[in-house]
N, C-alpha and C. Protein backbone atom coordinates (compact mmCIF):
# COMPACT_ATOMS: atom_id res chain seq x y z
N UNK A 1 25.64 0.35 3.92
CA UNK A 1 24.20 0.37 4.04
C UNK A 1 23.63 -1.03 3.83
N UNK A 2 22.54 -1.32 4.52
CA UNK A 2 21.83 -2.58 4.36
C UNK A 2 20.47 -2.26 3.76
N UNK A 3 20.13 -2.97 2.70
CA UNK A 3 18.84 -2.74 2.05
C UNK A 3 18.07 -4.04 1.94
N UNK A 4 16.75 -3.93 2.07
CA UNK A 4 15.85 -5.06 1.93
C UNK A 4 14.89 -4.76 0.79
N UNK A 5 14.79 -5.67 -0.14
CA UNK A 5 13.88 -5.49 -1.27
C UNK A 5 12.90 -6.64 -1.30
N UNK A 6 11.63 -6.30 -1.13
CA UNK A 6 10.57 -7.31 -1.10
C UNK A 6 9.89 -7.41 -2.46
N UNK A 7 9.35 -8.57 -2.73
CA UNK A 7 8.58 -8.77 -3.95
C UNK A 7 7.59 -9.91 -3.74
N UNK A 8 6.62 -10.01 -4.64
CA UNK A 8 5.71 -11.14 -4.62
C UNK A 8 4.30 -10.84 -4.17
N UNK A 9 4.05 -9.62 -3.70
CA UNK A 9 2.71 -9.28 -3.28
C UNK A 9 1.77 -9.15 -4.47
N UNK A 10 0.48 -8.99 -4.17
CA UNK A 10 -0.48 -8.82 -5.24
C UNK A 10 -1.89 -9.10 -4.79
N UNK A 11 -2.77 -9.26 -5.76
CA UNK A 11 -4.17 -9.53 -5.52
C UNK A 11 -4.46 -10.99 -5.84
N UNK A 12 -5.13 -11.66 -4.91
CA UNK A 12 -5.44 -13.08 -5.09
C UNK A 12 -6.81 -13.37 -4.49
N UNK A 13 -7.48 -14.36 -5.03
CA UNK A 13 -8.77 -14.75 -4.48
C UNK A 13 -8.57 -15.60 -3.23
N UNK A 14 -9.57 -15.60 -2.40
CA UNK A 14 -9.53 -16.44 -1.20
C UNK A 14 -9.29 -17.89 -1.60
N UNK A 15 -8.42 -18.53 -0.83
CA UNK A 15 -8.03 -19.90 -1.13
C UNK A 15 -6.80 -20.01 -1.99
N UNK A 16 -6.37 -18.90 -2.54
CA UNK A 16 -5.20 -18.89 -3.41
C UNK A 16 -3.89 -18.82 -2.64
N UNK A 17 -2.81 -18.70 -3.40
CA UNK A 17 -1.47 -18.69 -2.81
C UNK A 17 -0.63 -17.55 -3.37
N UNK A 18 0.30 -17.11 -2.57
CA UNK A 18 1.31 -16.15 -2.98
C UNK A 18 2.62 -16.51 -2.30
N UNK A 19 3.71 -16.12 -2.92
CA UNK A 19 5.03 -16.32 -2.33
C UNK A 19 5.75 -14.98 -2.29
N UNK A 20 6.08 -14.54 -1.09
CA UNK A 20 6.83 -13.31 -0.91
C UNK A 20 8.31 -13.63 -0.80
N UNK A 21 9.12 -12.70 -1.33
CA UNK A 21 10.58 -12.83 -1.23
C UNK A 21 11.13 -11.52 -0.69
N UNK A 22 12.24 -11.64 0.01
CA UNK A 22 12.94 -10.46 0.53
C UNK A 22 14.44 -10.71 0.41
N UNK A 23 15.09 -9.89 -0.40
CA UNK A 23 16.53 -10.01 -0.60
C UNK A 23 17.23 -8.94 0.21
N UNK A 24 18.20 -9.36 0.99
CA UNK A 24 18.97 -8.45 1.84
C UNK A 24 20.33 -8.21 1.20
N UNK A 25 20.70 -6.96 1.04
CA UNK A 25 22.00 -6.63 0.48
C UNK A 25 22.71 -5.66 1.41
N UNK A 26 24.03 -5.69 1.34
CA UNK A 26 24.81 -4.80 2.19
C UNK A 26 26.00 -5.52 2.75
N UNK A 27 27.02 -4.78 3.04
CA UNK A 27 28.26 -5.38 3.50
C UNK A 27 28.37 -5.33 5.01
N UNK A 28 29.24 -6.18 5.52
CA UNK A 28 29.55 -6.19 6.95
C UNK A 28 28.31 -6.39 7.82
N UNK A 29 27.37 -7.22 7.35
CA UNK A 29 26.16 -7.47 8.12
C UNK A 29 25.96 -8.97 8.26
N UNK A 30 25.98 -9.44 9.49
CA UNK A 30 25.78 -10.86 9.77
C UNK A 30 24.34 -11.06 10.23
N UNK A 31 23.55 -11.70 9.39
CA UNK A 31 22.12 -11.85 9.65
C UNK A 31 21.86 -12.96 10.65
N UNK A 32 20.99 -12.67 11.61
CA UNK A 32 20.55 -13.69 12.54
C UNK A 32 19.10 -14.07 12.20
N UNK A 33 18.15 -13.37 12.77
CA UNK A 33 16.74 -13.71 12.56
C UNK A 33 16.16 -12.93 11.38
N UNK A 34 15.39 -13.63 10.57
CA UNK A 34 14.67 -13.01 9.46
C UNK A 34 13.18 -13.21 9.71
N UNK A 35 12.40 -12.16 9.50
CA UNK A 35 10.99 -12.20 9.89
C UNK A 35 10.11 -11.56 8.83
N UNK A 36 8.85 -11.93 8.90
CA UNK A 36 7.81 -11.24 8.15
C UNK A 36 6.77 -10.71 9.14
N UNK A 37 6.44 -9.44 8.98
CA UNK A 37 5.38 -8.78 9.73
C UNK A 37 4.31 -8.35 8.75
N UNK A 38 3.15 -8.00 9.28
CA UNK A 38 2.11 -7.44 8.44
C UNK A 38 1.33 -6.38 9.22
N UNK A 39 0.76 -5.46 8.46
CA UNK A 39 -0.05 -4.41 9.05
C UNK A 39 -1.27 -4.17 8.19
N UNK A 40 -2.43 -4.45 8.76
CA UNK A 40 -3.69 -4.20 8.08
C UNK A 40 -4.16 -2.79 8.41
N UNK A 41 -5.01 -2.21 7.58
CA UNK A 41 -5.49 -0.85 7.85
C UNK A 41 -6.15 -0.75 9.22
N UNK A 42 -5.72 0.26 9.98
CA UNK A 42 -6.30 0.49 11.29
C UNK A 42 -5.82 -0.45 12.38
N UNK A 43 -4.86 -1.30 12.06
CA UNK A 43 -4.36 -2.26 13.05
C UNK A 43 -2.86 -2.09 13.25
N UNK A 44 -2.38 -2.64 14.36
CA UNK A 44 -0.96 -2.58 14.65
C UNK A 44 -0.21 -3.61 13.81
N UNK A 45 1.05 -3.32 13.58
CA UNK A 45 1.90 -4.26 12.87
C UNK A 45 2.08 -5.50 13.76
N UNK A 46 1.98 -6.67 13.14
CA UNK A 46 2.08 -7.91 13.91
C UNK A 46 3.06 -8.87 13.24
N UNK A 47 3.68 -9.69 14.08
CA UNK A 47 4.59 -10.71 13.57
C UNK A 47 3.80 -11.82 12.92
N UNK A 48 4.22 -12.19 11.72
CA UNK A 48 3.60 -13.31 11.01
C UNK A 48 4.42 -14.58 11.22
N UNK A 49 5.72 -14.47 10.98
CA UNK A 49 6.60 -15.63 11.12
C UNK A 49 8.04 -15.16 11.19
N UNK A 50 8.87 -15.94 11.84
CA UNK A 50 10.30 -15.66 11.81
C UNK A 50 11.09 -16.96 11.77
N UNK A 51 12.35 -16.81 11.39
CA UNK A 51 13.22 -17.97 11.26
C UNK A 51 14.64 -17.55 11.65
N UNK A 52 15.26 -18.32 12.52
CA UNK A 52 16.61 -18.00 12.95
C UNK A 52 17.64 -18.53 11.96
N UNK A 53 18.90 -18.16 12.17
CA UNK A 53 19.93 -18.64 11.23
C UNK A 53 20.20 -20.13 11.39
N UNK A 54 19.67 -20.72 12.46
CA UNK A 54 19.78 -22.18 12.62
C UNK A 54 18.56 -22.89 12.05
N UNK A 55 17.60 -22.12 11.52
CA UNK A 55 16.44 -22.71 10.88
C UNK A 55 15.22 -22.92 11.75
N UNK A 56 15.27 -22.42 12.98
CA UNK A 56 14.10 -22.56 13.85
C UNK A 56 13.02 -21.60 13.41
N UNK A 57 11.82 -22.12 13.22
CA UNK A 57 10.70 -21.33 12.73
C UNK A 57 9.69 -21.03 13.83
N UNK A 58 9.02 -19.90 13.68
CA UNK A 58 8.00 -19.50 14.62
C UNK A 58 6.88 -18.82 13.83
N UNK A 59 5.61 -19.14 14.18
CA UNK A 59 4.48 -18.61 13.44
C UNK A 59 3.42 -18.03 14.36
N UNK A 60 2.74 -17.02 13.87
CA UNK A 60 1.54 -16.54 14.55
C UNK A 60 0.47 -17.62 14.45
N UNK A 61 -0.35 -17.71 15.47
CA UNK A 61 -1.39 -18.75 15.48
C UNK A 61 -2.30 -18.63 14.27
N UNK A 62 -2.54 -17.41 13.82
CA UNK A 62 -3.49 -17.18 12.73
C UNK A 62 -3.01 -17.73 11.38
N UNK A 63 -1.72 -18.02 11.27
CA UNK A 63 -1.20 -18.49 9.97
C UNK A 63 -0.62 -19.90 10.04
N UNK A 64 -0.58 -20.49 11.22
CA UNK A 64 -0.02 -21.83 11.36
C UNK A 64 -0.76 -22.82 10.46
N UNK A 65 0.01 -23.63 9.76
CA UNK A 65 -0.58 -24.61 8.86
C UNK A 65 -0.88 -24.08 7.47
N UNK A 66 -0.81 -22.77 7.29
CA UNK A 66 -1.09 -22.17 5.98
C UNK A 66 0.13 -21.49 5.39
N UNK A 67 0.94 -20.87 6.23
CA UNK A 67 2.13 -20.13 5.77
C UNK A 67 3.38 -20.91 6.14
N UNK A 68 4.41 -20.77 5.31
CA UNK A 68 5.70 -21.38 5.58
C UNK A 68 6.80 -20.36 5.31
N UNK A 69 7.65 -20.15 6.30
CA UNK A 69 8.80 -19.26 6.13
C UNK A 69 10.03 -20.11 5.85
N UNK A 70 10.89 -19.60 4.98
CA UNK A 70 12.14 -20.30 4.69
C UNK A 70 13.19 -19.26 4.34
N UNK A 71 14.44 -19.69 4.32
CA UNK A 71 15.52 -18.76 3.98
C UNK A 71 16.60 -19.48 3.21
N UNK A 72 17.27 -18.70 2.38
CA UNK A 72 18.43 -19.18 1.63
C UNK A 72 19.60 -18.30 2.06
N UNK A 73 20.42 -18.81 2.95
CA UNK A 73 21.50 -18.00 3.50
C UNK A 73 22.53 -17.61 2.44
N UNK A 74 22.72 -18.45 1.46
CA UNK A 74 23.69 -18.13 0.40
C UNK A 74 23.22 -16.94 -0.42
N UNK A 75 21.92 -16.75 -0.50
CA UNK A 75 21.36 -15.64 -1.28
C UNK A 75 20.86 -14.50 -0.40
N UNK A 76 21.04 -14.64 0.93
CA UNK A 76 20.54 -13.61 1.86
C UNK A 76 19.07 -13.29 1.58
N UNK A 77 18.29 -14.31 1.41
CA UNK A 77 16.90 -14.16 1.03
C UNK A 77 16.00 -14.94 1.98
N UNK A 78 14.87 -14.32 2.31
CA UNK A 78 13.85 -14.99 3.10
C UNK A 78 12.56 -15.02 2.29
N UNK A 79 11.83 -16.11 2.43
CA UNK A 79 10.60 -16.31 1.68
C UNK A 79 9.43 -16.52 2.64
N UNK A 80 8.25 -16.22 2.14
CA UNK A 80 7.03 -16.54 2.87
C UNK A 80 6.05 -17.13 1.86
N UNK A 81 5.85 -18.44 1.97
CA UNK A 81 4.87 -19.11 1.13
C UNK A 81 3.53 -19.05 1.85
N UNK A 82 2.56 -18.44 1.18
CA UNK A 82 1.25 -18.25 1.79
C UNK A 82 0.21 -19.04 1.00
N UNK A 83 -0.38 -20.02 1.64
CA UNK A 83 -1.41 -20.85 1.02
C UNK A 83 -2.74 -20.66 1.73
N UNK A 84 -3.80 -21.09 1.09
CA UNK A 84 -5.15 -21.00 1.67
C UNK A 84 -5.42 -19.60 2.21
N UNK A 85 -5.11 -18.62 1.40
CA UNK A 85 -5.23 -17.23 1.84
C UNK A 85 -6.68 -16.86 2.13
N UNK A 86 -6.84 -16.01 3.13
CA UNK A 86 -8.16 -15.54 3.56
C UNK A 86 -8.23 -14.02 3.43
N UNK A 87 -9.42 -13.47 3.31
CA UNK A 87 -9.53 -12.00 3.24
C UNK A 87 -8.87 -11.31 4.43
N UNK A 88 -8.89 -11.94 5.59
CA UNK A 88 -8.26 -11.32 6.76
C UNK A 88 -6.74 -11.32 6.70
N UNK A 89 -6.16 -11.96 5.70
CA UNK A 89 -4.71 -11.89 5.50
C UNK A 89 -4.31 -10.63 4.73
N UNK A 90 -5.31 -9.88 4.27
CA UNK A 90 -5.03 -8.64 3.53
C UNK A 90 -4.28 -7.66 4.42
N UNK A 91 -3.12 -7.21 3.93
CA UNK A 91 -2.26 -6.32 4.72
C UNK A 91 -1.06 -5.94 3.87
N UNK A 92 -0.30 -4.99 4.39
CA UNK A 92 1.03 -4.74 3.85
C UNK A 92 1.99 -5.63 4.63
N UNK A 93 2.77 -6.40 3.91
CA UNK A 93 3.71 -7.33 4.53
C UNK A 93 5.12 -6.74 4.47
N UNK A 94 5.78 -6.77 5.63
CA UNK A 94 7.11 -6.19 5.76
C UNK A 94 8.13 -7.26 6.12
N UNK A 95 9.25 -7.18 5.47
CA UNK A 95 10.39 -8.03 5.81
C UNK A 95 11.21 -7.33 6.90
N UNK A 96 11.73 -8.10 7.82
CA UNK A 96 12.54 -7.57 8.92
C UNK A 96 13.73 -8.50 9.14
N UNK A 97 14.91 -7.92 9.29
CA UNK A 97 16.07 -8.75 9.61
C UNK A 97 16.79 -8.14 10.80
N UNK A 98 17.34 -9.02 11.60
CA UNK A 98 18.14 -8.61 12.76
C UNK A 98 19.50 -9.27 12.63
N UNK A 99 20.52 -8.53 13.00
CA UNK A 99 21.86 -9.09 12.92
C UNK A 99 22.89 -8.15 13.48
N UNK A 100 24.14 -8.50 13.24
CA UNK A 100 25.26 -7.73 13.74
C UNK A 100 25.96 -7.00 12.61
N UNK A 101 26.24 -5.74 12.83
CA UNK A 101 27.02 -4.96 11.88
C UNK A 101 28.02 -4.15 12.68
N UNK A 102 29.29 -4.44 12.44
CA UNK A 102 30.37 -3.82 13.20
C UNK A 102 30.18 -4.05 14.71
N UNK A 103 29.69 -5.24 15.06
CA UNK A 103 29.55 -5.61 16.46
C UNK A 103 28.31 -5.05 17.14
N UNK A 104 27.46 -4.37 16.38
CA UNK A 104 26.28 -3.75 16.96
C UNK A 104 25.04 -4.49 16.47
N UNK A 105 24.13 -4.82 17.41
CA UNK A 105 22.87 -5.48 17.04
C UNK A 105 21.95 -4.45 16.38
N UNK A 106 21.56 -4.74 15.14
CA UNK A 106 20.74 -3.81 14.39
C UNK A 106 19.53 -4.51 13.79
N UNK A 107 18.52 -3.73 13.49
CA UNK A 107 17.29 -4.23 12.86
C UNK A 107 16.99 -3.38 11.63
N UNK A 108 16.63 -4.05 10.54
CA UNK A 108 16.30 -3.35 9.31
C UNK A 108 14.94 -3.81 8.81
N UNK A 109 14.25 -2.88 8.13
CA UNK A 109 12.92 -3.16 7.58
C UNK A 109 12.91 -2.95 6.07
N UNK A 110 12.08 -3.74 5.40
CA UNK A 110 11.82 -3.50 4.00
C UNK A 110 10.74 -2.45 3.84
N UNK A 111 10.44 -2.12 2.57
CA UNK A 111 9.50 -1.04 2.29
C UNK A 111 8.05 -1.52 2.34
N UNK A 112 7.86 -2.83 2.35
CA UNK A 112 6.51 -3.38 2.41
C UNK A 112 5.97 -3.75 1.05
N UNK A 113 5.17 -4.80 1.01
CA UNK A 113 4.51 -5.22 -0.22
C UNK A 113 3.06 -5.55 0.10
N UNK A 114 2.16 -5.05 -0.73
CA UNK A 114 0.73 -5.19 -0.46
C UNK A 114 0.24 -6.58 -0.87
N UNK A 115 -0.50 -7.19 0.03
CA UNK A 115 -1.18 -8.45 -0.27
C UNK A 115 -2.68 -8.21 -0.06
N UNK A 116 -3.46 -8.44 -1.09
CA UNK A 116 -4.90 -8.26 -1.01
C UNK A 116 -5.59 -9.56 -1.39
N UNK A 117 -6.44 -10.03 -0.49
CA UNK A 117 -7.16 -11.28 -0.72
C UNK A 117 -8.64 -10.96 -0.84
N UNK A 118 -9.20 -11.25 -2.00
CA UNK A 118 -10.61 -10.96 -2.24
C UNK A 118 -11.47 -12.17 -1.88
N UNK A 119 -12.68 -11.88 -1.44
CA UNK A 119 -13.58 -12.98 -1.02
C UNK A 119 -14.43 -13.46 -2.19
């Protein structure tokens, strides 16, 4: 089994910062892309940022210059540093990983962590 455990969410004032972490555990799983998604109430889940195993980063336009994604391959962990937070960043943030397990391309999701930004 592959499990993702997220942490770091919470309540913060506008302009503040939070750092999300997602630890991936499980055997026989070769991780490729690690991503963060978010879903606000009444809206579709959207990609926030992703990072490949070679370190290539990709960001949604709405978070460019404010958020930074990084990963520690030795710890199977992906981070999302969120600075200059805005009320519109309020959402449940989900970790997502894609990789190979027994030769099959698979995708796994975390349980989500709430981020609330007050104005």
